Amino acid sequence: MNARRILDAIWDFVVGDDPRLALAALVAIGLTAVVCAFGLSAWWLAPAVALASLRWSLRGARPSATSASKTSS
């Protein structure tokens, strides 16, 4: 197999369609490590980042009110 095809498959699996969500996952892992390094409980951090990143991702996919009114006319 071609090494380039393998790397492309890994990239597609990890990043997928939305690189922002992959970045949010890395941020969540990093923040969890930092919080744990301070000896604090970090069980809440990953779900909080997941919800925030989902909202961030969906905000870009939501059509604006002006474009919705133009298509209905």
Protein backbone atom coordinates (compact mmCIF):
# COMPACT_ATOMS: atom_id res chain seq x y z
CA MET A 1 0.00 0.00 0.00
CA ASN A 2 0.95 3.53 -0.59
CA ALA A 3 2.05 5.41 2.54
CA ARG A 4 0.24 8.52 1.35
CA ARG A 5 -3.08 6.65 1.16
CA ILE A 6 -2.59 5.31 4.68
CA LEU A 7 -1.87 8.79 6.04
CA ASP A 8 -4.90 10.18 4.19
CA ALA A 9 -7.10 7.48 5.71
CA ILE A 10 -5.80 8.22 9.21
CA TRP A 11 -6.32 11.96 8.70
CA ASP A 12 -9.86 11.37 7.42
CA PHE A 13 -10.64 9.13 10.39
CA VAL A 14 -9.27 11.52 13.01
CA VAL A 15 -10.29 14.87 11.52
CA GLY A 16 -13.28 13.83 9.43
CA ASP A 17 -15.50 16.54 7.99
CA ASP A 18 -14.95 19.18 10.65
CA PRO A 19 -11.38 20.02 11.70
CA ARG A 20 -12.79 22.31 14.41
CA LEU A 21 -14.17 19.30 16.28
CA ALA A 22 -10.81 17.54 16.08
CA LEU A 23 -9.17 20.67 17.46
CA ALA A 24 -11.75 20.82 20.24
CA ALA A 25 -10.98 17.20 21.16
CA LEU A 26 -7.27 18.03 21.41
CA VAL A 27 -8.07 21.07 23.55
CA ALA A 28 -10.27 18.96 25.83
CA ILE A 29 -7.51 16.39 26.29
CA GLY A 30 -4.92 19.09 26.97
CA LEU A 31 -7.12 20.99 29.42
CA THR A 32 -7.99 17.77 31.22
CA ALA A 33 -4.30 16.99 31.62
CA VAL A 34 -3.61 20.47 32.98
CA VAL A 35 -6.50 20.34 35.44
CA CYS A 36 -5.44 16.88 36.63
CA ALA A 37 -1.85 18.10 37.03
CA PHE A 38 -3.14 20.62 39.58
CA GLY A 39 -4.78 17.77 41.47
CA LEU A 40 -8.33 18.83 40.66
CA SER A 41 -11.19 16.69 39.46
CA ALA A 42 -11.60 17.00 35.70
CA TRP A 43 -14.51 14.67 34.96
CA TRP A 44 -16.68 17.62 33.96
CA LEU A 45 -14.26 19.17 31.49
CA ALA A 46 -14.61 16.82 28.50
CA PRO A 47 -18.44 16.99 28.40
CA ALA A 48 -18.32 20.78 28.75
CA VAL A 49 -15.87 21.12 25.87
CA ALA A 50 -17.92 18.65 23.80
CA LEU A 51 -21.10 20.69 24.26
CA ALA A 52 -19.32 23.96 23.53
CA SER A 53 -17.64 22.57 20.41
CA LEU A 54 -20.93 21.10 19.17
CA ARG A 55 -22.56 24.50 19.50
CA TRP A 56 -19.57 26.11 17.77
CA SER A 57 -19.79 23.60 14.93
CA LEU A 58 -23.56 23.87 14.49
CA ARG A 59 -23.50 27.67 14.54
CA GLY A 60 -21.56 27.59 11.28
CA ALA A 61 -24.04 25.14 9.72
CA ARG A 62 -27.22 27.04 10.65
CA PRO A 63 -28.66 29.12 7.81
CA SER A 64 -29.13 32.78 8.53
CA ALA A 65 -32.60 34.33 8.72
CA THR A 66 -31.98 36.47 5.64
CA SER A 67 -31.03 33.53 3.44
CA ALA A 68 -34.06 31.53 4.65
CA SER A 69 -36.44 34.38 3.74
CA LYS A 70 -34.89 34.72 0.27
CA THR A 71 -35.42 31.05 -0.56
CA SER A 72 -39.06 31.03 0.56
CA SER A 73 -40.05 33.93 -1.75
